[in-house]
Each structure stands twice: as C-alpha cells, then as structure tokens.
Amino acid sequence: MLFSDYIDDGPMWAGQGDRETRSTIKFAEEFARVPIVHVSIGLWDMDHKHNIRADITAEKITTKGFDVVFRTWGDTRIARMRVDWIAIGALYSEENWQLY
C-alpha cells in the first residue's frame, strides 16, 4: 500500500492542489546494471464526486532500488493507493566473471 489517507484525513484525501507522495523500494537482490522498472496502479480508491487525476512514476532508479512517486492535483480525493511494480534486468551470478 503506497498510502491510506482516508482514515486519518491525510493530504491525498483532505488536501487540495498539488500533492506528492514518495516511497523507496529496495530490491531483494542487487542488479548487475540499472534495471528497467515499470510501475502501475494496483488499487485506487477515489472519491467519485471529484475529478480523478493521477500520475505515477519510478524515479532515482539504481541497481539497489528506486523511488515510486505518486502525484495528484486540483480537487482530487484519493482514499487509498496500492502500487505494483516489476524490475527487469541482469542479476549478479557466480557464473558472471570478467577477463582481466
């Protein structure tokens, strides 16, 4: 769950204007090179009486992890948001070796 702002009147539910939340994801294993990361909305619980505005992206991608960033604006009211992600790239292996 990226956030659940409905319970405590957090900024995504009770706020107005530009809002952003950011969460750092750490990979279970370090990649050999910076991977390609795809993020998507796994669940959204939004107020139907307001415009639905959402922007989700992966930022600061490294071999060890990335930041998932969710933004909204205007009068949008979001109660909860869950993010799904996948990282694709080469992992380290005992079979990986370099010649001089």
C-alpha atoms as a PDB file:
ATOM      1  CA  MET A   1       0.000   0.000   0.000  1.00  0.00           C
ATOM      2  CA  LEU A   2       1.542   3.301  -1.052  1.00  0.00           C
ATOM      3  CA  PHE A   3      -0.765   5.264   1.234  1.00  0.00           C
ATOM      4  CA  SER A   4      -4.119   5.131   3.009  1.00  0.00           C
ATOM      5  CA  ASP A   5      -5.134   8.725   3.735  1.00  0.00           C
ATOM      6  CA  TYR A   6      -8.870   8.256   4.271  1.00  0.00           C
ATOM      7  CA  ILE A   7      -8.576   7.018   7.871  1.00  0.00           C
ATOM      8  CA  ASP A   8      -6.591   9.992   9.199  1.00  0.00           C
ATOM      9  CA  ASP A   9      -7.640  12.740   6.722  1.00  0.00           C
ATOM     10  CA  GLY A  10      -4.184  12.710   5.131  1.00  0.00           C
ATOM     11  CA  PRO A  11      -3.214  15.090   2.316  1.00  0.00           C
ATOM     12  CA  MET A  12      -4.293  12.851  -0.570  1.00  0.00           C
ATOM     13  CA  TRP A  13      -7.815  12.658   0.856  1.00  0.00           C
ATOM     14  CA  ALA A  14      -8.314  16.011   2.573  1.00  0.00           C
ATOM     15  CA  GLY A  15      -5.812  18.181   0.670  1.00  0.00           C
ATOM     16  CA  GLN A  16      -6.186  20.411  -2.377  1.00  0.00           C
ATOM     17  CA  GLY A  17      -3.832  21.432  -5.169  1.00  0.00           C
ATOM     18  CA  ASP A  18      -0.506  19.790  -5.998  1.00  0.00           C
ATOM     19  CA  ARG A  19       0.311  16.805  -3.783  1.00  0.00           C
ATOM     20  CA  GLU A  20       3.004  14.148  -3.932  1.00  0.00           C
ATOM     21  CA  THR A  21       3.936  11.025  -2.028  1.00  0.00           C
ATOM     22  CA  ARG A  22       7.190   9.129  -2.472  1.00  0.00           C
ATOM     23  CA  SER A  23       8.248   5.700  -1.232  1.00  0.00           C
ATOM     24  CA  THR A  24      11.626   3.979  -1.597  1.00  0.00           C
ATOM     25  CA  ILE A  25      11.573   0.393  -2.856  1.00  0.00           C
ATOM     26  CA  LYS A  26      14.629  -1.788  -2.196  1.00  0.00           C
ATOM     27  CA  PHE A  27      15.207  -4.806  -4.439  1.00  0.00           C
ATOM     28  CA  ALA A  28      15.610  -8.205  -2.769  1.00  0.00           C
ATOM     29  CA  GLU A  29      18.796  -8.668  -4.812  1.00  0.00           C
ATOM     30  CA  GLU A  30      21.074  -6.056  -6.349  1.00  0.00           C
ATOM     31  CA  PHE A  31      21.055  -5.913 -10.142  1.00  0.00           C
ATOM     32  CA  ALA A  32      24.275  -6.064 -12.160  1.00  0.00           C
ATOM     33  CA  ARG A  33      23.179  -2.944 -14.091  1.00  0.00           C
ATOM     34  CA  VAL A  34      20.383  -0.435 -13.614  1.00  0.00           C
ATOM     35  CA  PRO A  35      17.170  -2.311 -14.490  1.00  0.00           C
ATOM     36  CA  ILE A  36      14.104  -1.173 -16.373  1.00  0.00           C
ATOM     37  CA  VAL A  37      11.315  -0.501 -13.856  1.00  0.00           C
ATOM     38  CA  HIS A  38       7.611  -0.463 -14.657  1.00  0.00           C
ATOM     39  CA  VAL A  39       5.107   0.814 -12.077  1.00  0.00           C
ATOM     40  CA  SER A  40       1.326   0.626 -12.240  1.00  0.00           C
ATOM     41  CA  ILE A  41      -1.665   1.235 -10.036  1.00  0.00           C
ATOM     42  CA  GLY A  42      -2.740  -1.973  -8.314  1.00  0.00           C
ATOM     43  CA  LEU A  43      -5.652  -0.418  -6.398  1.00  0.00           C
ATOM     44  CA  TRP A  44      -7.141   3.010  -6.289  1.00  0.00           C
ATOM     45  CA  ASP A  45      -9.939   4.101  -4.015  1.00  0.00           C
ATOM     46  CA  MET A  46     -11.091   7.558  -5.083  1.00  0.00           C
ATOM     47  CA  ASP A  47     -13.977   9.883  -4.339  1.00  0.00           C
ATOM     48  CA  HIS A  48     -16.377   9.715  -7.302  1.00  0.00           C
ATOM     49  CA  LYS A  49     -17.629  13.277  -6.748  1.00  0.00           C
ATOM     50  CA  HIS A  50     -14.306  14.853  -7.781  1.00  0.00           C
ATOM     51  CA  ASN A  51     -12.087  14.729 -10.839  1.00  0.00           C
ATOM     52  CA  ILE A  52      -9.704  11.773 -10.935  1.00  0.00           C
ATOM     53  CA  ARG A  53      -6.128  12.913 -11.580  1.00  0.00           C
ATOM     54  CA  ALA A  54      -3.169  10.591 -11.133  1.00  0.00           C
ATOM     55  CA  ASP A  55       0.475  10.445 -12.181  1.00  0.00           C
ATOM     56  CA  ILE A  56       2.682   7.547 -11.078  1.00  0.00           C
ATOM     57  CA  THR A  57       6.321   7.047 -11.985  1.00  0.00           C
ATOM     58  CA  ALA A  58       9.592   5.415 -10.973  1.00  0.00           C
ATOM     59  CA  GLU A  59      12.420   7.830 -10.182  1.00  0.00           C
ATOM     60  CA  LYS A  60      16.007   7.578  -8.913  1.00  0.00           C
ATOM     61  CA  ILE A  61      16.389   4.033 -10.264  1.00  0.00           C
ATOM     62  CA  THR A  62      19.628   2.318  -9.200  1.00  0.00           C
ATOM     63  CA  THR A  63      20.885  -1.255  -9.042  1.00  0.00           C
ATOM     64  CA  LYS A  64      19.623  -1.423  -5.433  1.00  0.00           C
ATOM     65  CA  GLY A  65      16.155   0.127  -5.715  1.00  0.00           C
ATOM     66  CA  PHE A  66      14.050   3.079  -6.804  1.00  0.00           C
ATOM     67  CA  ASP A  67      11.521   5.650  -5.625  1.00  0.00           C
ATOM     68  CA  VAL A  68       7.893   5.237  -6.611  1.00  0.00           C
ATOM     69  CA  VAL A  69       6.307   8.678  -6.885  1.00  0.00           C
ATOM     70  CA  PHE A  70       2.590   9.400  -6.982  1.00  0.00           C
ATOM     71  CA  ARG A  71       1.236  12.860  -7.755  1.00  0.00           C
ATOM     72  CA  THR A  72      -2.206  14.390  -7.948  1.00  0.00           C
ATOM     73  CA  TRP A  73      -3.578  17.925  -8.139  1.00  0.00           C
ATOM     74  CA  GLY A  74      -6.718  20.038  -8.063  1.00  0.00           C
ATOM     75  CA  ASP A  75      -9.679  18.754  -6.044  1.00  0.00           C
ATOM     76  CA  THR A  76      -8.909  15.035  -6.478  1.00  0.00           C
ATOM     77  CA  ARG A  77      -9.587  12.991  -3.328  1.00  0.00           C
ATOM     78  CA  ILE A  78      -7.785   9.657  -3.010  1.00  0.00           C
ATOM     79  CA  ALA A  79      -8.511   7.402  -0.050  1.00  0.00           C
ATOM     80  CA  ARG A  80      -6.007   4.610  -0.783  1.00  0.00           C
ATOM     81  CA  MET A  81      -3.459   3.709  -3.430  1.00  0.00           C
ATOM     82  CA  ARG A  82      -1.553   0.468  -3.967  1.00  0.00           C
ATOM     83  CA  VAL A  83       1.296   0.261  -6.463  1.00  0.00           C
ATOM     84  CA  ASP A  84       2.524  -2.791  -8.354  1.00  0.00           C
ATOM     85  CA  TRP A  85       5.953  -2.863  -9.960  1.00  0.00           C
ATOM     86  CA  ILE A  86       8.332  -5.047 -11.908  1.00  0.00           C
ATOM     87  CA  ALA A  87      12.067  -4.594 -12.462  1.00  0.00           C
ATOM     88  CA  ILE A  88      13.728  -6.284 -15.423  1.00  0.00           C
ATOM     89  CA  GLY A  89      17.474  -6.630 -15.760  1.00  0.00           C
ATOM     90  CA  ALA A  90      20.570  -8.738 -15.252  1.00  0.00           C
ATOM     91  CA  LEU A  91      21.348 -10.064 -11.777  1.00  0.00           C
ATOM     92  CA  TYR A  92      24.742 -10.989 -10.400  1.00  0.00           C
ATOM     93  CA  SER A  93      25.614 -14.665 -10.615  1.00  0.00           C
ATOM     94  CA  GLU A  94      28.513 -16.952  -9.711  1.00  0.00           C
ATOM     95  CA  GLU A  95      28.777 -17.630 -13.424  1.00  0.00           C
ATOM     96  CA  ASN A  96      29.439 -13.973 -14.173  1.00  0.00           C
ATOM     97  CA  TRP A  97      33.155 -13.343 -14.433  1.00  0.00           C
ATOM     98  CA  GLN A  98      35.369 -10.849 -16.149  1.00  0.00           C
ATOM     99  CA  LEU A  99      38.594 -11.326 -18.006  1.00  0.00           C
ATOM    100  CA  TYR A 100      41.394  -9.035 -16.927  1.00  0.00           C
END
